[in-house]
Amino acid sequence: MTTSASLLLKKRFLPLFVTQFLNAFNDNFFKMAMVILVTFQLLNNEAAEAQFNAIVGGLLMLPFFLFSALAGQLADKKDKTKIIHIIKNAEIIIMLVGAYGIMIESIPVMMIAFFALGTQSAFLGPIKYAILPQHLKDDEVLSGTGLVEAGTYIAILGGTILGGILPATASAVGVVICSLIGRLSAQFIPNADPEDGHEDIKVDYNIFRGSWRLLSNTMSVPHLALAIWSISFFWTIAAVFGAIFPPLVKNSLTSDNTVATLFTAVFSIGIAIGSIAINRMLKGKISARYSMASVIIMGLFILHLWWVVNQWVPGSGELYDWRRFLEADYAKILLLDILFIAIAGGMFVVPLYAFLTTKVVKSQTARTIAANNIINSGAMVLGTIIYLLIVSIGVSVINALFMLMIICAISSWLAFRLDKVDRKMNAEIAE
């Protein structure tokens, strides 16, 4: 088994890791810089601000719905590294447009750049996981997947924080510089020629027909469908958590946005820890045997989080900042709950991504990840809508945590079935 630390020193992995890290970082850097500028400086109307943030959320998911199937086909058909070069070239142009939009304070220009940025991320999405089995040994894939997942969450956190604290002008310069560094790191990614069988791939440029065919073909394979649904439920939990954090912090914990940022930081760090820890537990072997236990533990910590929040004594006067919050009773226990929820989540999802990229022939890996991205996006949107609906009918934000416990229960059942199918497949191979 190759350790995560040693893998980061290898030329066949480090440039890819840095490239995808900077891509996720820059996405969130630009997004937060745009949101802060528009919400706090350009708009002065609560309804308009809410509408803007809703549109941003939709634009974030839309490219994955529209372009994942095409991205997966192209990635399996062509040299993945050359496609990464094209994507990173496009990012430089997109960030120049986005920086211009920030400088002139133009909401339409910034939104166009944001949609284009989401599109280039949708094209990179299938590649960053599908390329791993080509560049890594079999016992390194799980470790590499864990590092990519951990790096993505840390990058999201870093980009979000930096975009929220830097002045608009500095952010405009920063996103361009980040795109340039990302293109430089991409230059060092080893070639990833298409696998045997790519000659039979006919790229369908009709994005709707291509998406339907891809989903039909991929989801008809039982073990792939189980893995994809399991991953989708995880991302639904993450999306709903993201929606719950701000009102939970403000209204239930009487705390300000610095505490919400603290929660996000702890959650991101927990995902990173879990993503790396599961590689050590599985010793590099790709298996779903710990996934059911991980998501059950996740649900139990969510239940404990619900209990702790109900014990919280609301403050009077001004909202707590993060320093005053940490002095309150139950604060540290609450943060530990969030940390262990995230650690269990990382341990749950990382083997499933590795499962998707190794349980299909290599010429189909990118398309499999693309199908996963489409389902994930839909599940996240649906989960968020259901959360908003149950809150709108009078369910408190605290009690909405029970929705996440139900999702955990469903996920544990899916993980149990996946592990059972995986064991059967391995037994048949051994015979």
Protein backbone atom coordinates (compact mmCIF):
# COMPACT_ATOMS: atom_id res chain seq x y z
CA MET A 1 0.00 0.00 0.00
CA THR A 2 1.26 3.46 -0.90
CA THR A 3 0.71 6.07 1.82
CA SER A 4 -1.00 9.34 1.02
CA ALA A 5 2.10 11.35 1.93
CA SER A 6 4.38 9.38 -0.38
CA LEU A 7 1.87 9.61 -3.22
CA LEU A 8 2.00 13.40 -3.03
CA LEU A 9 5.71 13.21 -3.84
CA LYS A 10 5.18 11.32 -7.10
CA LYS A 11 5.24 13.19 -10.42
CA ARG A 12 2.44 11.01 -11.78
CA PHE A 13 0.07 12.33 -9.09
CA LEU A 14 1.23 15.67 -7.64
CA PRO A 15 0.59 17.85 -10.76
CA LEU A 16 -2.94 16.43 -11.08
CA PHE A 17 -3.60 16.98 -7.38
CA VAL A 18 -2.38 20.60 -7.55
CA THR A 19 -4.37 21.28 -10.73
CA GLN A 20 -7.68 19.97 -9.38
CA PHE A 21 -7.04 21.65 -6.01
CA LEU A 22 -6.53 25.05 -7.65
CA ASN A 23 -9.59 24.50 -9.85
CA ALA A 24 -11.86 23.93 -6.84
CA PHE A 25 -10.15 26.77 -4.97
CA ASN A 26 -10.66 29.24 -7.82
CA ASP A 27 -14.30 28.25 -8.37
CA ASN A 28 -15.13 29.11 -4.77
CA PHE A 29 -12.78 32.11 -4.65
CA PHE A 30 -14.62 33.75 -7.53
CA LYS A 31 -18.06 32.65 -6.34
CA MET A 32 -17.63 34.11 -2.86
CA ALA A 33 -16.02 37.32 -4.15
CA MET A 34 -18.99 37.77 -6.49
CA VAL A 35 -21.59 36.97 -3.82
CA ILE A 36 -20.04 39.33 -1.27
CA LEU A 37 -19.74 42.16 -3.81
CA VAL A 38 -23.29 41.82 -5.10
CA THR A 39 -24.99 41.13 -1.76
CA PHE A 40 -23.24 43.76 0.36
CA GLN A 41 -22.45 46.51 -2.15
CA LEU A 42 -24.47 46.33 -5.38
CA LEU A 43 -27.90 45.29 -4.10
CA ASN A 44 -29.87 46.92 -1.33
CA ASN A 45 -33.06 44.90 -1.39
CA GLU A 46 -33.69 41.71 0.57
CA ALA A 47 -35.86 40.14 -2.14
CA ALA A 48 -33.31 40.91 -4.86
CA GLU A 49 -30.50 39.52 -2.72
CA ALA A 50 -32.41 36.29 -2.11
CA GLN A 51 -33.21 36.00 -5.82
CA PHE A 52 -29.57 36.55 -6.76
CA ASN A 53 -28.31 33.86 -4.35
CA ALA A 54 -30.95 31.43 -5.62
CA ILE A 55 -29.81 32.01 -9.20
CA VAL A 56 -26.19 31.46 -8.17
CA GLY A 57 -27.15 28.12 -6.63
CA GLY A 58 -28.92 27.10 -9.83
CA LEU A 59 -26.04 28.17 -12.06
CA LEU A 60 -23.70 26.07 -9.94
CA MET A 61 -25.62 22.85 -10.68
CA LEU A 62 -26.86 23.52 -14.22
CA PRO A 63 -23.59 22.84 -16.11
CA PHE A 64 -23.28 19.41 -14.47
CA PHE A 65 -26.79 18.55 -15.66
CA LEU A 66 -26.11 19.76 -19.18
CA PHE A 67 -22.53 18.84 -19.96
CA SER A 68 -21.41 15.90 -17.80
CA ALA A 69 -22.41 13.28 -20.38
CA LEU A 70 -20.54 15.05 -23.17
CA ALA A 71 -17.56 15.58 -20.86
CA GLY A 72 -17.44 11.88 -20.00
CA GLN A 73 -17.59 10.80 -23.64
CA LEU A 74 -14.80 13.16 -24.68
CA ALA A 75 -12.62 12.13 -21.73
CA ASP A 76 -12.91 8.43 -22.63
CA LYS A 77 -12.41 9.16 -26.33
CA LYS A 78 -9.43 11.54 -26.15
CA ASP A 79 -6.20 12.00 -24.20
CA LYS A 80 -7.43 13.18 -20.79
CA THR A 81 -4.36 15.33 -20.18
CA LYS A 82 -4.84 17.25 -23.43
CA ILE A 83 -8.44 17.92 -22.44
CA ILE A 84 -7.23 19.24 -19.07
CA HIS A 85 -4.93 21.64 -20.94
CA ILE A 86 -7.87 22.93 -22.99
CA ILE A 87 -10.00 23.30 -19.85
CA LYS A 88 -7.30 25.23 -18.01
CA ASN A 89 -6.70 27.48 -21.04
CA ALA A 90 -10.41 28.25 -21.02
CA GLU A 91 -10.28 29.02 -17.30
CA ILE A 92 -7.74 31.80 -17.88
CA ILE A 93 -10.06 33.47 -20.40
CA ILE A 94 -13.09 32.97 -18.15
CA MET A 95 -11.30 34.48 -15.16
CA LEU A 96 -10.20 37.49 -17.19
CA VAL A 97 -13.87 38.07 -18.04
CA GLY A 98 -14.89 37.46 -14.42
CA ALA A 99 -12.21 39.81 -13.11
CA TYR A 100 -13.42 42.46 -15.55
CA GLY A 101 -16.98 41.96 -14.28
CA ILE A 102 -15.80 42.46 -10.69
CA MET A 103 -13.82 45.58 -11.58
CA ILE A 104 -16.73 47.25 -13.40
CA GLU A 105 -19.26 45.83 -10.89
CA SER A 106 -21.37 44.25 -13.64
CA ILE A 107 -23.67 41.51 -12.38
CA PRO A 108 -24.45 40.10 -15.89
CA VAL A 109 -20.74 39.83 -16.77
CA MET A 110 -19.96 38.11 -13.46
CA MET A 111 -22.87 35.68 -13.89
CA ILE A 112 -21.76 34.77 -17.43
CA ALA A 113 -18.26 34.10 -16.13
CA PHE A 114 -19.63 32.04 -13.23
CA PHE A 115 -21.70 29.84 -15.55
CA ALA A 116 -18.68 29.38 -17.82
CA LEU A 117 -16.55 28.50 -14.78
CA GLY A 118 -19.10 25.88 -13.76
CA THR A 119 -19.04 24.49 -17.29
CA GLN A 120 -15.27 24.03 -17.31
CA SER A 121 -15.55 22.34 -13.88
CA ALA A 122 -18.21 20.01 -15.28
CA PHE A 123 -15.76 18.97 -18.01
CA LEU A 124 -12.96 18.47 -15.49
CA GLY A 125 -15.13 16.51 -13.06
CA PRO A 126 -15.12 13.12 -14.85
CA ILE A 127 -11.41 13.40 -15.61
CA LYS A 128 -10.03 14.06 -12.14
CA TYR A 129 -11.24 10.68 -10.89
CA ALA A 130 -11.11 8.68 -14.14
CA ILE A 131 -7.45 9.53 -14.75
CA LEU A 132 -6.35 8.00 -11.44
CA PRO A 133 -6.48 4.32 -12.53
CA GLN A 134 -4.28 5.24 -15.51
CA HIS A 135 -1.55 6.96 -13.52
CA LEU A 136 -1.69 4.98 -10.27
CA LYS A 137 -1.15 1.37 -9.32
CA ASP A 138 -4.14 -0.68 -8.19
CA ASP A 139 -3.23 -0.31 -4.51
CA GLU A 140 -2.76 3.45 -4.93
CA VAL A 141 -6.15 4.33 -6.41
CA LEU A 142 -7.95 4.48 -3.05
CA SER A 143 -5.24 6.68 -1.57
CA GLY A 144 -5.28 8.97 -4.61
CA THR A 145 -9.07 9.22 -4.52
CA GLY A 146 -8.95 10.11 -0.83
CA LEU A 147 -6.39 12.84 -1.45
CA VAL A 148 -8.44 14.30 -4.31
CA GLU A 149 -11.56 14.33 -2.13
CA ALA A 150 -9.71 15.80 0.86
CA GLY A 151 -7.99 18.38 -1.33
CA THR A 152 -11.28 19.42 -2.90
CA TYR A 153 -12.88 20.17 0.47
CA ILE A 154 -9.87 22.07 1.77
CA ALA A 155 -9.77 24.03 -1.50
CA ILE A 156 -13.47 24.87 -1.22
CA LEU A 157 -12.92 26.13 2.31
CA GLY A 158 -9.82 28.16 1.39
CA GLY A 159 -11.41 29.73 -1.66
CA THR A 160 -14.57 30.59 0.25
CA ILE A 161 -12.67 32.25 3.08
CA LEU A 162 -10.31 34.21 0.81
CA GLY A 163 -13.12 35.38 -1.46
CA GLY A 164 -15.05 36.56 1.59
CA ILE A 165 -12.28 38.63 3.18
CA LEU A 166 -10.34 40.17 0.28
CA PRO A 167 -11.39 43.48 -1.32
CA ALA A 168 -13.02 43.13 -4.74
CA THR A 169 -9.99 44.43 -6.65
CA ALA A 170 -7.65 41.99 -4.92
CA SER A 171 -10.06 39.13 -5.64
CA ALA A 172 -10.19 40.09 -9.33
CA VAL A 173 -6.41 39.88 -9.57
CA GLY A 174 -6.30 36.75 -7.42
CA VAL A 175 -8.62 34.61 -9.55
CA VAL A 176 -6.59 35.38 -12.68
CA ILE A 177 -3.30 34.53 -10.96
CA CYS A 178 -4.80 31.30 -9.62
CA SER A 179 -5.94 30.27 -13.11
CA LEU A 180 -2.44 30.91 -14.49
CA ILE A 181 -0.81 28.78 -11.78
CA GLY A 182 -3.36 26.04 -12.43
CA ARG A 183 -2.49 26.02 -16.12
CA LEU A 184 1.20 25.78 -15.26
CA SER A 185 0.68 22.79 -12.96
CA ALA A 186 -1.47 21.09 -15.62
CA GLN A 187 1.51 21.16 -18.00
CA PHE A 188 3.28 18.60 -15.81
CA ILE A 189 0.45 16.03 -15.73
CA PRO A 190 1.63 12.88 -17.59
CA ASN A 191 -0.18 11.97 -20.80
CA ALA A 192 -3.30 9.84 -20.38
CA ASP A 193 -3.94 8.25 -23.76
CA PRO A 194 -7.41 6.79 -24.37
CA GLU A 195 -7.77 3.15 -23.37
CA ASP A 196 -8.42 0.19 -25.66
CA GLY A 197 -11.98 0.36 -26.92
CA HIS A 198 -12.06 4.12 -27.35
CA GLU A 199 -12.35 3.64 -31.12
CA ASP A 200 -15.92 2.41 -30.61
CA ILE A 201 -16.99 5.53 -28.72
CA LYS A 202 -19.16 7.81 -30.83
CA VAL A 203 -19.46 11.19 -29.17
CA ASP A 204 -23.06 12.39 -29.10
CA TYR A 205 -23.11 16.19 -29.12
CA ASN A 206 -26.84 16.25 -28.41
CA ILE A 207 -26.43 16.84 -24.68
CA PHE A 208 -29.95 15.74 -23.74
CA ARG A 209 -29.95 12.52 -25.75
CA GLY A 210 -26.38 11.81 -24.66
CA SER A 211 -27.26 12.30 -20.99
CA TRP A 212 -30.29 10.00 -21.25
CA ARG A 213 -28.30 7.25 -22.95
CA LEU A 214 -25.45 7.54 -20.48
CA LEU A 215 -27.75 7.31 -17.47
CA SER A 216 -29.69 4.40 -18.99
CA ASN A 217 -26.54 2.42 -19.69
CA THR A 218 -24.77 3.15 -16.41
CA MET A 219 -27.70 2.83 -14.01
CA SER A 220 -28.70 -0.52 -15.53
CA VAL A 221 -25.55 -2.04 -13.98
CA PRO A 222 -26.57 -2.97 -10.39
CA HIS A 223 -23.27 -2.40 -8.59
CA LEU A 224 -22.68 0.93 -10.34
CA ALA A 225 -26.22 2.10 -9.61
CA LEU A 226 -25.86 1.23 -5.93
CA ALA A 227 -22.56 3.11 -5.66
CA ILE A 228 -23.93 6.16 -7.49
CA TRP A 229 -27.08 6.33 -5.39
CA SER A 230 -24.99 6.00 -2.22
CA ILE A 231 -22.68 8.84 -3.30
CA SER A 232 -25.68 10.95 -4.27
CA PHE A 233 -27.24 10.57 -0.84
CA PHE A 234 -23.95 11.68 0.71
CA TRP A 235 -23.90 14.84 -1.42
CA THR A 236 -27.55 15.43 -0.54
CA ILE A 237 -26.61 15.35 3.14
CA ALA A 238 -23.75 17.78 2.48
CA ALA A 239 -26.00 20.14 0.49
CA VAL A 240 -28.73 20.17 3.12
CA PHE A 241 -26.14 20.68 5.86
CA GLY A 242 -24.88 23.69 3.90
CA ALA A 243 -28.43 25.07 3.80
CA ILE A 244 -29.05 24.34 7.50
CA PHE A 245 -25.85 25.87 8.90
CA PRO A 246 -26.63 29.61 8.48
CA PRO A 247 -30.17 29.66 9.99
CA LEU A 248 -29.18 27.11 12.66
CA VAL A 249 -26.24 29.25 13.71
CA LYS A 250 -28.18 32.53 13.67
CA ASN A 251 -31.52 31.49 15.15
CA SER A 252 -30.86 28.42 17.29
CA LEU A 253 -27.32 29.17 18.48
CA THR A 254 -27.69 32.99 18.43
CA SER A 255 -24.31 33.32 16.70
CA ASP A 256 -22.99 35.27 13.73
CA ASN A 257 -21.47 34.45 10.35
CA THR A 258 -18.02 33.79 11.85
CA VAL A 259 -19.50 30.78 13.64
CA ALA A 260 -21.11 29.58 10.40
CA THR A 261 -17.66 29.84 8.78
CA LEU A 262 -16.18 27.93 11.72
CA PHE A 263 -18.73 25.15 11.18
CA THR A 264 -17.85 24.99 7.49
CA ALA A 265 -14.14 24.83 8.35
CA VAL A 266 -14.61 22.01 10.85
CA PHE A 267 -16.80 20.10 8.39
CA SER A 268 -14.24 20.45 5.59
CA ILE A 269 -11.37 19.35 7.83
CA GLY A 270 -13.41 16.36 8.97
CA ILE A 271 -14.06 15.24 5.40
CA ALA A 272 -10.34 15.51 4.70
CA ILE A 273 -9.46 13.42 7.77
CA GLY A 274 -12.01 10.75 6.92
CA SER A 275 -10.92 10.65 3.28
CA ILE A 276 -7.33 9.86 4.27
CA ALA A 277 -8.12 7.64 7.27
CA ILE A 278 -10.20 5.16 5.26
CA ASN A 279 -7.20 4.40 3.04
CA ARG A 280 -5.25 3.25 6.09
CA MET A 281 -8.16 1.18 7.36
CA LEU A 282 -8.65 -0.56 4.02
CA LYS A 283 -4.87 -0.79 3.41
CA GLY A 284 -5.36 0.37 -0.16
CA LYS A 285 -7.96 -2.29 -1.00
CA ILE A 286 -11.06 -0.90 -2.68
CA SER A 287 -14.05 -2.15 -0.74
CA ALA A 288 -17.41 -0.91 0.57
CA ARG A 289 -17.19 -2.99 3.75
CA TYR A 290 -16.87 0.05 6.05
CA SER A 291 -19.39 2.22 4.23
CA MET A 292 -22.49 0.97 6.03
CA ALA A 293 -20.88 1.40 9.47
CA SER A 294 -19.58 4.84 8.51
CA VAL A 295 -22.96 6.22 7.49
CA ILE A 296 -24.64 4.71 10.58
CA ILE A 297 -22.07 6.50 12.74
CA MET A 298 -22.74 9.64 10.74
CA GLY A 299 -26.46 9.37 11.53
CA LEU A 300 -25.81 8.82 15.24
CA PHE A 301 -23.68 11.95 15.46
CA ILE A 302 -26.40 13.91 13.64
CA LEU A 303 -28.83 12.67 16.30
CA HIS A 304 -26.45 13.81 19.03
CA LEU A 305 -26.04 17.17 17.28
CA TRP A 306 -29.84 17.56 17.36
CA TRP A 307 -29.80 16.84 21.12
CA VAL A 308 -26.98 19.31 21.80
CA VAL A 309 -28.67 22.11 19.85
CA ASN A 310 -31.83 21.54 21.87
CA GLN A 311 -29.81 21.97 25.09
CA TRP A 312 -28.37 25.27 23.89
CA VAL A 313 -29.25 28.32 25.98
CA PRO A 314 -29.83 31.26 23.59
CA GLY A 315 -27.78 34.37 24.23
CA SER A 316 -29.26 37.79 24.76
CA GLY A 317 -28.24 40.94 22.96
CA GLU A 318 -25.73 40.75 20.13
CA LEU A 319 -25.05 37.51 18.30
CA TYR A 320 -22.06 35.51 19.51
CA ASP A 321 -18.91 35.79 17.44
CA TRP A 322 -16.70 32.72 17.23
CA ARG A 323 -14.74 33.65 20.38
CA ARG A 324 -17.83 34.07 22.57
CA PHE A 325 -19.36 30.98 20.98
CA LEU A 326 -16.41 28.82 22.05
CA GLU A 327 -16.86 30.00 25.65
CA ALA A 328 -20.48 28.81 25.76
CA ASP A 329 -21.64 25.51 27.26
CA TYR A 330 -21.85 22.66 24.74
CA ALA A 331 -19.93 24.63 22.07
CA LYS A 332 -16.95 22.27 21.91
CA ILE A 333 -19.21 19.21 22.02
CA LEU A 334 -21.22 20.65 19.14
CA LEU A 335 -18.05 21.18 17.08
CA LEU A 336 -16.95 17.62 17.82
CA ASP A 337 -20.32 16.37 16.54
CA ILE A 338 -19.81 18.25 13.27
CA LEU A 339 -16.22 17.00 13.02
CA PHE A 340 -17.19 13.33 13.47
CA ILE A 341 -20.16 13.66 11.13
CA ALA A 342 -17.73 14.85 8.46
CA ILE A 343 -15.06 12.23 9.26
CA ALA A 344 -17.66 9.47 8.92
CA GLY A 345 -18.85 11.09 5.68
CA GLY A 346 -15.35 11.06 4.20
CA MET A 347 -14.89 7.42 5.19
CA PHE A 348 -18.23 6.61 3.59
CA VAL A 349 -17.84 8.30 0.22
CA VAL A 350 -14.17 7.90 -0.77
CA PRO A 351 -14.22 4.11 -1.29
CA LEU A 352 -17.35 4.54 -3.40
CA TYR A 353 -15.60 6.92 -5.81
CA ALA A 354 -12.68 4.48 -6.06
CA PHE A 355 -15.23 1.72 -6.60
CA LEU A 356 -16.72 3.56 -9.59
CA THR A 357 -13.34 4.04 -11.30
CA THR A 358 -12.09 0.48 -10.82
CA LYS A 359 -15.17 -1.71 -11.27
CA VAL A 360 -15.59 -0.77 -14.93
CA VAL A 361 -13.29 -1.20 -17.90
CA LYS A 362 -10.88 1.73 -18.11
CA SER A 363 -12.35 2.96 -21.37
CA GLN A 364 -15.62 3.70 -19.50
CA THR A 365 -14.35 5.34 -16.31
CA ALA A 366 -14.95 8.97 -17.30
CA ARG A 367 -18.47 8.25 -18.53
CA THR A 368 -19.25 6.41 -15.29
CA ILE A 369 -18.11 9.39 -13.23
CA ALA A 370 -20.09 11.68 -15.56
CA ALA A 371 -23.27 9.68 -14.90
CA ASN A 372 -22.52 9.91 -11.20
CA ASN A 373 -22.16 13.70 -11.44
CA ILE A 374 -25.53 14.04 -13.15
CA ILE A 375 -27.31 11.99 -10.49
CA ASN A 376 -25.41 13.76 -7.70
CA SER A 377 -26.47 17.18 -8.98
CA GLY A 378 -30.09 16.15 -9.24
CA ALA A 379 -30.07 14.62 -5.76
CA MET A 380 -28.54 17.75 -4.23
CA VAL A 381 -31.14 20.00 -5.83
CA LEU A 382 -34.01 17.68 -4.88
CA GLY A 383 -32.77 17.30 -1.31
CA THR A 384 -32.49 21.07 -0.89
CA ILE A 385 -36.00 21.57 -2.30
CA ILE A 386 -37.44 18.97 0.10
CA TYR A 387 -35.64 20.66 2.99
CA LEU A 388 -37.09 24.04 2.00
CA LEU A 389 -40.57 22.53 1.70
CA ILE A 390 -40.56 20.89 5.14
CA VAL A 391 -39.28 24.12 6.70
CA SER A 392 -41.97 26.11 4.86
CA ILE A 393 -44.73 23.97 6.40
CA GLY A 394 -43.52 24.76 9.90
CA VAL A 395 -40.83 22.18 10.71
CA SER A 396 -38.04 23.90 12.64
CA VAL A 397 -34.51 23.97 11.27
CA ILE A 398 -33.40 21.89 14.27
CA ASN A 399 -35.96 19.18 13.58
CA ALA A 400 -35.03 19.21 9.89
CA LEU A 401 -31.93 17.32 11.05
CA PHE A 402 -34.20 14.26 11.24
CA MET A 403 -34.41 14.42 7.44
CA LEU A 404 -30.65 13.82 7.35
CA MET A 405 -30.97 10.87 9.72
CA ILE A 406 -33.52 9.32 7.38
CA ILE A 407 -31.13 9.81 4.45
CA CYS A 408 -28.38 8.16 6.49
CA ALA A 409 -30.63 5.16 7.14
CA ILE A 410 -31.35 4.80 3.41
CA SER A 411 -27.65 5.18 2.63
CA SER A 412 -26.71 2.44 5.11
CA TRP A 413 -29.11 0.07 3.38
CA LEU A 414 -27.64 0.92 -0.02
CA ALA A 415 -24.11 0.47 1.33
CA PHE A 416 -25.06 -2.92 2.79
CA ARG A 417 -26.40 -4.04 -0.58
CA LEU A 418 -23.35 -2.71 -2.40
CA ASP A 419 -20.97 -4.54 -0.06
CA LYS A 420 -22.96 -7.72 -0.56
CA VAL A 421 -22.79 -7.41 -4.36
CA ASP A 422 -19.08 -6.54 -4.19
CA ARG A 423 -18.29 -9.63 -2.10
CA LYS A 424 -20.20 -11.78 -4.54
CA MET A 425 -18.33 -10.30 -7.51
CA ASN A 426 -14.98 -10.87 -5.79
CA ALA A 427 -15.91 -14.47 -4.99
CA GLU A 428 -16.82 -15.12 -8.61
CA ILE A 429 -13.51 -13.64 -9.77
CA ALA A 430 -11.61 -15.80 -7.25
CA GLU A 431 -13.28 -18.94 -8.63
